[in-house]
């Protein structure tokens, strides 16, 4: 009879659909999220934690794919990844009583500690162009968090008057970091043409001593008004311009080798830029020593050009 097979097929279809629903139906919710639609929603049932736990319960029965089964847009071969190197230094607290011991335990070539924290940092070698005048002890020490600018040692406000002021960095240092050494302050030279020596910290003294002979300062950029204030500086500038012109002759003249070497021994920077100076040059400008030296060098060079037939023929020079 036709009705029997139909019933069997319907039974099979219903059983198949039931098995499929059982196979693909999500796993029962976790105990945390057992709430029926009739249960009123509150903050506890819709919290982020409950939602996350409910989602994890749905996917808890699924298997995560292995790394070998995953297809990457960019392979490891095309873009290799390496671990970042460990830092060679790290900040430490200057108040740590074991800081000195830790530094002594570190061998050369290993990681070193950087002295400093959010309240204090050690001074760094830099050229300071600001002029610090009339320092206020309380104001400056408050900005320094009542710490020495050199070593970071903390001091009580009532004992801060024992600290010494550095006229180069504009900060206060303890007596161990400030030995009352004096040095010329570059900012005072550039702003006021002041060559008096002022007390500076040991750090500033060593820094200024290292840059003493380095031609680092171009006066035309720093303060061109100095040429109006100092006549001696104007005379030196004229001689340095003449020196550059004379050097062009001696550089190509085969008979002016000795004089050319004397030119270069004085300062090679003089032949490149007439306005660049070192601290040593500026002190000699102020004393008049540099003017006398340049006048002698330029005179010997001009005397050679006047009497040298090669210089007069190749590059006529008129005085």
C-alpha atoms as a PDB file:
ATOM      1  CA  UNK A   1       0.000   0.000   0.000  1.00  0.00           C
ATOM      2  CA  UNK A   2       1.324   3.474  -0.785  1.00  0.00           C
ATOM      3  CA  UNK A   3       0.664   4.960   2.636  1.00  0.00           C
ATOM      4  CA  UNK A   4       3.167   2.752   4.516  1.00  0.00           C
ATOM      5  CA  UNK A   5       6.291   3.800   2.596  1.00  0.00           C
ATOM      6  CA  UNK A   6       5.273   7.394   2.941  1.00  0.00           C
ATOM      7  CA  UNK A   7       5.069   7.066   6.696  1.00  0.00           C
ATOM      8  CA  UNK A   8       8.458   5.413   6.815  1.00  0.00           C
ATOM      9  CA  UNK A   9      10.001   8.144   4.703  1.00  0.00           C
ATOM     10  CA  UNK A  10       8.437  10.804   6.850  1.00  0.00           C
ATOM     11  CA  UNK A  11       9.784   9.074   9.920  1.00  0.00           C
ATOM     12  CA  UNK A  12      13.242   8.914   8.372  1.00  0.00           C
ATOM     13  CA  UNK A  13      13.117  12.543   7.373  1.00  0.00           C
ATOM     14  CA  UNK A  14      12.047  13.613  10.828  1.00  0.00           C
ATOM     15  CA  UNK A  15      14.717  11.479  12.451  1.00  0.00           C
ATOM     16  CA  UNK A  16      17.375  12.834  10.098  1.00  0.00           C
ATOM     17  CA  UNK A  17      16.361  16.410  10.779  1.00  0.00           C
ATOM     18  CA  UNK A  18      16.363  15.693  14.496  1.00  0.00           C
ATOM     19  CA  UNK A  19      19.875  14.247  14.319  1.00  0.00           C
ATOM     20  CA  UNK A  20      21.079  17.174  12.261  1.00  0.00           C
ATOM     21  CA  UNK A  21      19.633  19.632  14.758  1.00  0.00           C
ATOM     22  CA  UNK A  22      21.319  17.706  17.539  1.00  0.00           C
ATOM     23  CA  UNK A  23      24.589  17.698  15.657  1.00  0.00           C
ATOM     24  CA  UNK A  24      24.660  21.383  14.806  1.00  0.00           C
ATOM     25  CA  UNK A  25      22.762  22.723  17.779  1.00  0.00           C
ATOM     26  CA  UNK A  26      24.884  24.737  20.184  1.00  0.00           C
ATOM     27  CA  UNK A  27      25.959  23.242  23.446  1.00  0.00           C
ATOM     28  CA  UNK A  28      23.792  23.955  26.455  1.00  0.00           C
ATOM     29  CA  UNK A  29      24.492  27.308  28.024  1.00  0.00           C
ATOM     30  CA  UNK A  30      26.758  27.567  31.016  1.00  0.00           C
ATOM     31  CA  UNK A  31      25.253  27.807  34.483  1.00  0.00           C
ATOM     32  CA  UNK A  32      26.068  31.507  34.600  1.00  0.00           C
ATOM     33  CA  UNK A  33      23.749  32.385  31.708  1.00  0.00           C
ATOM     34  CA  UNK A  34      20.694  30.263  32.683  1.00  0.00           C
ATOM     35  CA  UNK A  35      18.041  32.879  32.196  1.00  0.00           C
ATOM     36  CA  UNK A  36      14.721  32.451  30.442  1.00  0.00           C
ATOM     37  CA  UNK A  37      13.090  35.133  28.310  1.00  0.00           C
ATOM     38  CA  UNK A  38      10.552  35.613  31.061  1.00  0.00           C
ATOM     39  CA  UNK A  39      13.283  36.495  33.557  1.00  0.00           C
ATOM     40  CA  UNK A  40      13.675  40.278  33.819  1.00  0.00           C
ATOM     41  CA  UNK A  41      17.049  41.559  32.596  1.00  0.00           C
ATOM     42  CA  UNK A  42      19.259  43.401  35.011  1.00  0.00           C
ATOM     43  CA  UNK A  43      22.892  44.538  35.175  1.00  0.00           C
ATOM     44  CA  UNK A  44      24.085  41.148  36.438  1.00  0.00           C
ATOM     45  CA  UNK A  45      22.530  39.141  33.577  1.00  0.00           C
ATOM     46  CA  UNK A  46      23.757  41.421  30.781  1.00  0.00           C
ATOM     47  CA  UNK A  47      27.188  42.142  32.190  1.00  0.00           C
ATOM     48  CA  UNK A  48      30.236  41.797  29.973  1.00  0.00           C
ATOM     49  CA  UNK A  49      31.492  38.883  32.051  1.00  0.00           C
ATOM     50  CA  UNK A  50      28.269  36.864  31.652  1.00  0.00           C
ATOM     51  CA  UNK A  51      28.144  37.554  27.925  1.00  0.00           C
ATOM     52  CA  UNK A  52      31.755  36.438  27.505  1.00  0.00           C
ATOM     53  CA  UNK A  53      31.168  33.251  29.524  1.00  0.00           C
ATOM     54  CA  UNK A  54      28.065  32.483  27.482  1.00  0.00           C
ATOM     55  CA  UNK A  55      29.976  32.881  24.217  1.00  0.00           C
ATOM     56  CA  UNK A  56      32.778  30.666  25.502  1.00  0.00           C
ATOM     57  CA  UNK A  57      30.209  28.037  26.395  1.00  0.00           C
ATOM     58  CA  UNK A  58      28.890  27.984  22.823  1.00  0.00           C
ATOM     59  CA  UNK A  59      32.361  27.434  21.322  1.00  0.00           C
ATOM     60  CA  UNK A  60      33.791  25.191  24.038  1.00  0.00           C
ATOM     61  CA  UNK A  61      33.069  22.000  22.054  1.00  0.00           C
ATOM     62  CA  UNK A  62      34.678  23.231  18.832  1.00  0.00           C
ATOM     63  CA  UNK A  63      38.265  22.303  18.035  1.00  0.00           C
ATOM     64  CA  UNK A  64      40.724  25.043  17.237  1.00  0.00           C
ATOM     65  CA  UNK A  65      42.754  24.470  14.049  1.00  0.00           C
ATOM     66  CA  UNK A  66      46.426  23.687  14.318  1.00  0.00           C
ATOM     67  CA  UNK A  67      48.974  26.207  13.172  1.00  0.00           C
ATOM     68  CA  UNK A  68      49.965  23.942  10.274  1.00  0.00           C
ATOM     69  CA  UNK A  69      46.356  23.905   9.016  1.00  0.00           C
ATOM     70  CA  UNK A  70      46.041  27.683   8.934  1.00  0.00           C
ATOM     71  CA  UNK A  71      46.797  29.661   5.789  1.00  0.00           C
ATOM     72  CA  UNK A  72      48.591  32.961   6.407  1.00  0.00           C
ATOM     73  CA  UNK A  73      48.520  35.919   4.053  1.00  0.00           C
ATOM     74  CA  UNK A  74      52.242  36.447   4.687  1.00  0.00           C
ATOM     75  CA  UNK A  75      54.342  33.440   5.569  1.00  0.00           C
ATOM     76  CA  UNK A  76      57.058  33.335   8.199  1.00  0.00           C
ATOM     77  CA  UNK A  77      59.590  32.858   5.431  1.00  0.00           C
ATOM     78  CA  UNK A  78      58.581  36.105   3.736  1.00  0.00           C
ATOM     79  CA  UNK A  79      58.498  38.156   6.942  1.00  0.00           C
ATOM     80  CA  UNK A  80      60.616  36.526   9.651  1.00  0.00           C
ATOM     81  CA  UNK A  81      59.974  37.745  13.163  1.00  0.00           C
ATOM     82  CA  UNK A  82      62.726  38.000  15.749  1.00  0.00           C
ATOM     83  CA  UNK A  83      62.680  38.834  19.412  1.00  0.00           C
ATOM     84  CA  UNK A  84      63.493  42.426  20.271  1.00  0.00           C
ATOM     85  CA  UNK A  85      66.884  42.904  21.964  1.00  0.00           C
ATOM     86  CA  UNK A  86      66.970  43.497  25.672  1.00  0.00           C
ATOM     87  CA  UNK A  87      67.708  47.115  26.684  1.00  0.00           C
ATOM     88  CA  UNK A  88      71.276  47.956  27.596  1.00  0.00           C
ATOM     89  CA  UNK A  89      70.234  50.248  30.434  1.00  0.00           C
ATOM     90  CA  UNK A  90      67.373  50.868  32.815  1.00  0.00           C
ATOM     91  CA  UNK A  91      66.394  53.694  35.184  1.00  0.00           C
ATOM     92  CA  UNK A  92      66.974  53.322  38.890  1.00  0.00           C
ATOM     93  CA  UNK A  93      66.020  55.315  41.949  1.00  0.00           C
ATOM     94  CA  UNK A  94      68.840  57.565  43.221  1.00  0.00           C
ATOM     95  CA  UNK A  95      67.546  57.062  46.779  1.00  0.00           C
ATOM     96  CA  UNK A  96      68.139  53.306  46.567  1.00  0.00           C
ATOM     97  CA  UNK A  97      70.820  52.523  49.209  1.00  0.00           C
ATOM     98  CA  UNK A  98      71.908  49.482  47.224  1.00  0.00           C
ATOM     99  CA  UNK A  99      72.364  51.394  43.960  1.00  0.00           C
ATOM    100  CA  UNK A 100      76.128  51.793  44.391  1.00  0.00           C
ATOM    101  CA  UNK A 101      76.486  48.116  45.272  1.00  0.00           C
ATOM    102  CA  UNK A 102      74.507  47.087  42.208  1.00  0.00           C
ATOM    103  CA  UNK A 103      76.653  49.280  39.966  1.00  0.00           C
ATOM    104  CA  UNK A 104      79.844  47.706  41.344  1.00  0.00           C
ATOM    105  CA  UNK A 105      78.520  44.215  40.708  1.00  0.00           C
ATOM    106  CA  UNK A 106      77.957  44.933  37.016  1.00  0.00           C
ATOM    107  CA  UNK A 107      80.935  44.023  34.872  1.00  0.00           C
ATOM    108  CA  UNK A 108      82.092  45.981  31.856  1.00  0.00           C
ATOM    109  CA  UNK A 109      80.261  45.029  28.685  1.00  0.00           C
ATOM    110  CA  UNK A 110      77.089  44.083  30.559  1.00  0.00           C
ATOM    111  CA  UNK A 111      73.947  46.084  31.138  1.00  0.00           C
ATOM    112  CA  UNK A 112      74.418  49.394  32.950  1.00  0.00           C
ATOM    113  CA  UNK A 113      71.969  51.371  35.027  1.00  0.00           C
ATOM    114  CA  UNK A 114      70.787  54.844  34.129  1.00  0.00           C
ATOM    115  CA  UNK A 115      70.689  57.120  37.147  1.00  0.00           C
ATOM    116  CA  UNK A 116      67.421  58.979  37.336  1.00  0.00           C
ATOM    117  CA  UNK A 117      63.670  58.719  37.751  1.00  0.00           C
ATOM    118  CA  UNK A 118      60.602  60.911  37.351  1.00  0.00           C
ATOM    119  CA  UNK A 119      61.904  63.406  39.928  1.00  0.00           C
ATOM    120  CA  UNK A 120      65.500  63.768  38.802  1.00  0.00           C
ATOM    121  CA  UNK A 121      67.728  63.132  35.791  1.00  0.00           C
ATOM    122  CA  UNK A 122      71.495  63.582  35.521  1.00  0.00           C
ATOM    123  CA  UNK A 123      72.830  66.566  33.544  1.00  0.00           C
ATOM    124  CA  UNK A 124      73.680  65.941  29.914  1.00  0.00           C
ATOM    125  CA  UNK A 125      76.470  67.513  27.867  1.00  0.00           C
ATOM    126  CA  UNK A 126      74.900  70.405  25.999  1.00  0.00           C
ATOM    127  CA  UNK A 127      75.646  73.961  24.925  1.00  0.00           C
ATOM    128  CA  UNK A 128      73.585  76.417  26.963  1.00  0.00           C
ATOM    129  CA  UNK A 129      72.916  79.863  25.482  1.00  0.00           C
ATOM    130  CA  UNK A 130      70.665  81.153  28.271  1.00  0.00           C
ATOM    131  CA  UNK A 131      72.048  83.675  30.744  1.00  0.00           C
ATOM    132  CA  UNK A 132      71.076  82.859  34.330  1.00  0.00           C
ATOM    133  CA  UNK A 133      71.108  85.858  36.661  1.00  0.00           C
ATOM    134  CA  UNK A 134      69.963  86.460  40.256  1.00  0.00           C
ATOM    135  CA  UNK A 135      69.171  82.857  41.168  1.00  0.00           C
ATOM    136  CA  UNK A 136      66.416  82.366  43.733  1.00  0.00           C
ATOM    137  CA  UNK A 137      67.455  79.497  45.983  1.00  0.00           C
ATOM    138  CA  UNK A 138      63.961  78.483  47.102  1.00  0.00           C
ATOM    139  CA  UNK A 139      62.441  78.651  43.623  1.00  0.00           C
ATOM    140  CA  UNK A 140      65.250  76.763  41.891  1.00  0.00           C
ATOM    141  CA  UNK A 141      65.517  74.098  44.598  1.00  0.00           C
ATOM    142  CA  UNK A 142      61.752  73.556  44.498  1.00  0.00           C
ATOM    143  CA  UNK A 143      61.987  72.957  40.745  1.00  0.00           C
ATOM    144  CA  UNK A 144      64.785  70.483  41.420  1.00  0.00           C
ATOM    145  CA  UNK A 145      62.593  68.687  44.017  1.00  0.00           C
ATOM    146  CA  UNK A 146      65.283  69.533  46.580  1.00  0.00           C
ATOM    147  CA  UNK A 147      67.776  67.256  44.887  1.00  0.00           C
ATOM    148  CA  UNK A 148      71.307  67.892  43.743  1.00  0.00           C
ATOM    149  CA  UNK A 149      71.337  68.437  39.987  1.00  0.00           C
ATOM    150  CA  UNK A 150      74.493  66.360  39.703  1.00  0.00           C
ATOM    151  CA  UNK A 151      73.995  63.235  41.809  1.00  0.00           C
ATOM    152  CA  UNK A 152      70.300  63.407  42.723  1.00  0.00           C
ATOM    153  CA  UNK A 153      70.908  63.488  46.479  1.00  0.00           C
ATOM    154  CA  UNK A 154      67.876  64.748  48.381  1.00  0.00           C
ATOM    155  CA  UNK A 155      68.300  67.545  50.926  1.00  0.00           C
ATOM    156  CA  UNK A 156      65.948  69.012  53.472  1.00  0.00           C
ATOM    157  CA  UNK A 157      64.773  72.563  52.668  1.00  0.00           C
ATOM    158  CA  UNK A 158      66.409  73.988  55.793  1.00  0.00           C
ATOM    159  CA  UNK A 159      69.807  72.667  54.645  1.00  0.00           C
ATOM    160  CA  UNK A 160      69.511  73.668  50.974  1.00  0.00           C
ATOM    161  CA  UNK A 161      71.525  76.852  51.583  1.00  0.00           C
ATOM    162  CA  UNK A 162      74.667  74.703  51.596  1.00  0.00           C
ATOM    163  CA  UNK A 163      74.188  73.937  47.899  1.00  0.00           C
ATOM    164  CA  UNK A 164      76.243  75.827  45.323  1.00  0.00           C
ATOM    165  CA  UNK A 165      74.979  77.491  42.170  1.00  0.00           C
ATOM    166  CA  UNK A 166      76.272  76.632  38.683  1.00  0.00           C
ATOM    167  CA  UNK A 167      76.183  79.687  36.410  1.00  0.00           C
ATOM    168  CA  UNK A 168      76.388  77.543  33.278  1.00  0.00           C
ATOM    169  CA  UNK A 169      73.463  75.155  33.854  1.00  0.00           C
ATOM    170  CA  UNK A 170      71.499  77.440  36.185  1.00  0.00           C
ATOM    171  CA  UNK A 171      71.046  74.747  38.860  1.00  0.00           C
ATOM    172  CA  UNK A 172      72.194  74.007  42.373  1.00  0.00           C
ATOM    173  CA  UNK A 173      74.676  71.253  43.191  1.00  0.00           C
ATOM    174  CA  UNK A 174      75.890  69.690  46.406  1.00  0.00           C
ATOM    175  CA  UNK A 175      79.424  70.342  47.638  1.00  0.00           C
ATOM    176  CA  UNK A 176      80.568  66.983  46.262  1.00  0.00           C
ATOM    177  CA  UNK A 177      79.422  67.917  42.742  1.00  0.00           C
ATOM    178  CA  UNK A 178      80.469  71.585  42.944  1.00  0.00           C
ATOM    179  CA  UNK A 179      84.030  72.403  44.014  1.00  0.00           C
ATOM    180  CA  UNK A 180      83.742  76.158  43.367  1.00  0.00           C
ATOM    181  CA  UNK A 181      85.753  75.902  40.157  1.00  0.00           C
ATOM    182  CA  UNK A 182      85.454  78.934  37.900  1.00  0.00           C
ATOM    183  CA  UNK A 183      85.238  79.161  34.128  1.00  0.00           C
ATOM    184  CA  UNK A 184      84.086  81.591  31.452  1.00  0.00           C
ATOM    185  CA  UNK A 185      80.400  81.151  30.624  1.00  0.00           C
ATOM    186  CA  UNK A 186      79.696  81.013  26.843  1.00  0.00           C
ATOM    187  CA  UNK A 187      76.234  82.565  27.124  1.00  0.00           C
ATOM    188  CA  UNK A 188      77.655  85.626  28.872  1.00  0.00           C
ATOM    189  CA  UNK A 189      80.266  86.024  26.133  1.00  0.00           C
ATOM    190  CA  UNK A 190      77.671  85.880  23.361  1.00  0.00           C
ATOM    191  CA  UNK A 191      75.129  88.135  25.065  1.00  0.00           C
ATOM    192  CA  UNK A 192      77.255  90.619  27.014  1.00  0.00           C
ATOM    193  CA  UNK A 193      80.841  90.064  25.816  1.00  0.00           C
ATOM    194  CA  UNK A 194      81.621  89.164  29.420  1.00  0.00           C
ATOM    195  CA  UNK A 195      84.791  87.102  29.910  1.00  0.00           C
ATOM    196  CA  UNK A 196      84.764  87.000  33.689  1.00  0.00           C
ATOM    197  CA  UNK A 197      84.974  83.587  35.291  1.00  0.00           C
ATOM    198  CA  UNK A 198      81.989  82.345  37.291  1.00  0.00           C
ATOM    199  CA  UNK A 199      81.563  79.372  39.641  1.00  0.00           C
ATOM    200  CA  UNK A 200      80.402  76.280  37.793  1.00  0.00           C
ATOM    201  CA  UNK A 201      79.792  72.681  38.795  1.00  0.00           C
ATOM    202  CA  UNK A 202      82.380  69.976  38.257  1.00  0.00           C
ATOM    203  CA  UNK A 203      80.291  68.556  35.416  1.00  0.00           C
ATOM    204  CA  UNK A 204      80.090  71.945  33.659  1.00  0.00           C
ATOM    205  CA  UNK A 205      83.787  72.609  34.207  1.00  0.00           C
ATOM    206  CA  UNK A 206      84.776  69.325  32.552  1.00  0.00           C
ATOM    207  CA  UNK A 207      82.358  69.951  29.679  1.00  0.00           C
ATOM    208  CA  UNK A 208      83.608  73.489  29.007  1.00  0.00           C
ATOM    209  CA  UNK A 209      87.204  72.335  29.262  1.00  0.00           C
ATOM    210  CA  UNK A 210      86.590  69.665  26.607  1.00  0.00           C
ATOM    211  CA  UNK A 211      85.030  72.140  24.169  1.00  0.00           C
ATOM    212  CA  UNK A 212      87.629  74.861  24.836  1.00  0.00           C
ATOM    213  CA  UNK A 213      89.482  74.422  21.533  1.00  0.00           C
ATOM    214  CA  UNK A 214      86.519  73.252  19.414  1.00  0.00           C
ATOM    215  CA  UNK A 215      85.258  75.705  16.798  1.00  0.00           C
ATOM    216  CA  UNK A 216      81.547  75.433  17.580  1.00  0.00           C
ATOM    217  CA  UNK A 217      80.208  78.978  17.616  1.00  0.00           C
ATOM    218  CA  UNK A 218      79.221  81.018  14.572  1.00  0.00           C
ATOM    219  CA  UNK A 219      78.779  84.534  15.874  1.00  0.00           C
ATOM    220  CA  UNK A 220      76.805  85.714  12.854  1.00  0.00           C
ATOM    221  CA  UNK A 221      74.007  83.336  13.818  1.00  0.00           C
ATOM    222  CA  UNK A 222      74.264  83.528  17.602  1.00  0.00           C
ATOM    223  CA  UNK A 223      74.446  87.314  18.037  1.00  0.00           C
ATOM    224  CA  UNK A 224      75.412  89.495  15.052  1.00  0.00           C
ATOM    225  CA  UNK A 225      75.185  92.613  17.268  1.00  0.00           C
ATOM    226  CA  UNK A 226      78.516  91.680  18.816  1.00  0.00           C
ATOM    227  CA  UNK A 227      80.293  93.146  15.802  1.00  0.00           C
ATOM    228  CA  UNK A 228      78.848  96.555  16.677  1.00  0.00           C
ATOM    229  CA  UNK A 229      79.754  96.261  20.336  1.00  0.00           C
ATOM    230  CA  UNK A 230      83.323  95.026  19.932  1.00  0.00           C
ATOM    231  CA  UNK A 231      85.621  96.838  17.495  1.00  0.00           C
ATOM    232  CA  UNK A 232      88.356  94.286  18.024  1.00  0.00           C
ATOM    233  CA  UNK A 233      85.997  91.601  16.743  1.00  0.00           C
ATOM    234  CA  UNK A 234      85.392  93.623  13.572  1.00  0.00           C
ATOM    235  CA  UNK A 235      89.133  93.933  12.953  1.00  0.00           C
ATOM    236  CA  UNK A 236      89.611  90.201  13.412  1.00  0.00           C
ATOM    237  CA  UNK A 237      86.775  89.510  10.965  1.00  0.00           C
ATOM    238  CA  UNK A 238      88.444  91.678   8.299  1.00  0.00           C
ATOM    239  CA  UNK A 239      91.752  89.862   8.758  1.00  0.00           C
ATOM    240  CA  UNK A 240      90.076  86.469   8.554  1.00  0.00           C
ATOM    241  CA  UNK A 241      88.402  87.427   5.282  1.00  0.00           C
ATOM    242  CA  UNK A 242      91.786  88.495   3.921  1.00  0.00           C
ATOM    243  CA  UNK A 243      93.267  85.253   5.190  1.00  0.00           C
ATOM    244  CA  UNK A 244      90.795  83.220   3.140  1.00  0.00           C
ATOM    245  CA  UNK A 245      91.644  85.200  -0.017  1.00  0.00           C
ATOM    246  CA  UNK A 246      95.389  84.842   0.546  1.00  0.00           C
ATOM    247  CA  UNK A 247      94.990  81.117   1.199  1.00  0.00           C
ATOM    248  CA  UNK A 248      93.493  80.636  -2.272  1.00  0.00           C
ATOM    249  CA  UNK A 249      96.796  81.766  -3.803  1.00  0.00           C
ATOM    250  CA  UNK A 250      99.039  79.763  -1.517  1.00  0.00           C
ATOM    251  CA  UNK A 251      96.991  76.606  -2.011  1.00  0.00           C
ATOM    252  CA  UNK A 252      97.832  76.379  -5.721  1.00  0.00           C
ATOM    253  CA  UNK A 253     101.287  77.943  -5.656  1.00  0.00           C
ATOM    254  CA  UNK A 254     104.141  75.430  -5.621  1.00  0.00           C
ATOM    255  CA  UNK A 255     106.452  78.006  -4.040  1.00  0.00           C
ATOM    256  CA  UNK A 256     104.123  78.802  -1.143  1.00  0.00           C
ATOM    257  CA  UNK A 257     104.018  75.334   0.415  1.00  0.00           C
ATOM    258  CA  UNK A 258     105.763  76.337   3.631  1.00  0.00           C
ATOM    259  CA  UNK A 259     103.529  79.333   4.232  1.00  0.00           C
ATOM    260  CA  UNK A 260     100.457  77.263   3.394  1.00  0.00           C
ATOM    261  CA  UNK A 261     101.411  74.706   6.037  1.00  0.00           C
ATOM    262  CA  UNK A 262     101.816  77.501   8.569  1.00  0.00           C
ATOM    263  CA  UNK A 263      98.309  78.643   7.700  1.00  0.00           C
ATOM    264  CA  UNK A 264      96.846  75.210   8.312  1.00  0.00           C
ATOM    265  CA  UNK A 265      98.712  74.690  11.570  1.00  0.00           C
ATOM    266  CA  UNK A 266      96.986  77.656  13.149  1.00  0.00           C
ATOM    267  CA  UNK A 267      93.404  76.507  12.517  1.00  0.00           C
ATOM    268  CA  UNK A 268      91.892  74.768   9.514  1.00  0.00           C
ATOM    269  CA  UNK A 269      88.464  76.144  10.468  1.00  0.00           C
ATOM    270  CA  UNK A 270      89.664  79.695   9.834  1.00  0.00           C
ATOM    271  CA  UNK A 271      89.974  78.884   6.145  1.00  0.00           C
ATOM    272  CA  UNK A 272      86.405  77.577   5.866  1.00  0.00           C
ATOM    273  CA  UNK A 273      84.245  80.077   7.724  1.00  0.00           C
ATOM    274  CA  UNK A 274      85.428  83.539   8.847  1.00  0.00           C
ATOM    275  CA  UNK A 275      82.793  83.781  11.600  1.00  0.00           C
ATOM    276  CA  UNK A 276      83.298  80.489  13.403  1.00  0.00           C
ATOM    277  CA  UNK A 277      85.146  80.605  16.721  1.00  0.00           C
ATOM    278  CA  UNK A 278      86.074  78.479  19.680  1.00  0.00           C
ATOM    279  CA  UNK A 279      86.040  79.687  23.271  1.00  0.00           C
ATOM    280  CA  UNK A 280      89.814  79.853  23.099  1.00  0.00           C
ATOM    281  CA  UNK A 281      89.637  82.058  19.980  1.00  0.00           C
ATOM    282  CA  UNK A 282      87.154  84.425  21.595  1.00  0.00           C
ATOM    283  CA  UNK A 283      89.323  84.922  24.661  1.00  0.00           C
ATOM    284  CA  UNK A 284      92.252  85.752  22.380  1.00  0.00           C
ATOM    285  CA  UNK A 285      90.065  88.221  20.479  1.00  0.00           C
ATOM    286  CA  UNK A 286      89.236  89.941  23.746  1.00  0.00           C
ATOM    287  CA  UNK A 287      92.898  90.125  24.778  1.00  0.00           C
ATOM    288  CA  UNK A 288      94.085  91.281  21.326  1.00  0.00           C
ATOM    289  CA  UNK A 289      96.358  88.260  20.880  1.00  0.00           C
ATOM    290  CA  UNK A 290      94.404  86.844  17.941  1.00  0.00           C
ATOM    291  CA  UNK A 291      94.482  90.155  16.073  1.00  0.00           C
ATOM    292  CA  UNK A 292      98.275  90.320  16.301  1.00  0.00           C
ATOM    293  CA  UNK A 293      98.627  86.706  15.164  1.00  0.00           C
ATOM    294  CA  UNK A 294      96.304  87.101  12.184  1.00  0.00           C
ATOM    295  CA  UNK A 295      97.969  90.312  11.074  1.00  0.00           C
ATOM    296  CA  UNK A 296     101.344  88.584  11.066  1.00  0.00           C
ATOM    297  CA  UNK A 297     100.039  85.572   9.095  1.00  0.00           C
ATOM    298  CA  UNK A 298      98.211  87.692   6.523  1.00  0.00           C
ATOM    299  CA  UNK A 299     101.245  89.962   6.070  1.00  0.00           C
ATOM    300  CA  UNK A 300     103.539  87.018   5.341  1.00  0.00           C
ATOM    301  CA  UNK A 301     101.044  85.618   2.836  1.00  0.00           C
ATOM    302  CA  UNK A 302     100.547  88.930   1.066  1.00  0.00           C
ATOM    303  CA  UNK A 303     104.300  89.479   0.941  1.00  0.00           C
ATOM    304  CA  UNK A 304     104.703  86.127  -0.809  1.00  0.00           C
ATOM    305  CA  UNK A 305     101.993  86.916  -3.375  1.00  0.00           C
ATOM    306  CA  UNK A 306     103.516  90.302  -4.207  1.00  0.00           C
ATOM    307  CA  UNK A 307     106.976  88.856  -4.866  1.00  0.00           C
ATOM    308  CA  UNK A 308     105.922  85.517  -6.383  1.00  0.00           C
ATOM    309  CA  UNK A 309     105.801  85.560 -10.194  1.00  0.00           C
ATOM    310  CA  UNK A 310     103.518  82.518 -10.318  1.00  0.00           C
ATOM    311  CA  UNK A 311     100.891  84.092  -8.063  1.00  0.00           C
ATOM    312  CA  UNK A 312     100.942  87.400  -9.955  1.00  0.00           C
ATOM    313  CA  UNK A 313     100.603  85.706 -13.327  1.00  0.00           C
ATOM    314  CA  UNK A 314      97.985  83.095 -12.461  1.00  0.00           C
ATOM    315  CA  UNK A 315      95.787  85.152 -10.177  1.00  0.00           C
ATOM    316  CA  UNK A 316      96.488  88.894 -10.223  1.00  0.00           C
ATOM    317  CA  UNK A 317      95.920  90.282  -6.771  1.00  0.00           C
ATOM    318  CA  UNK A 318      95.552  93.999  -6.062  1.00  0.00           C
ATOM    319  CA  UNK A 319      96.166  95.451  -2.624  1.00  0.00           C
END
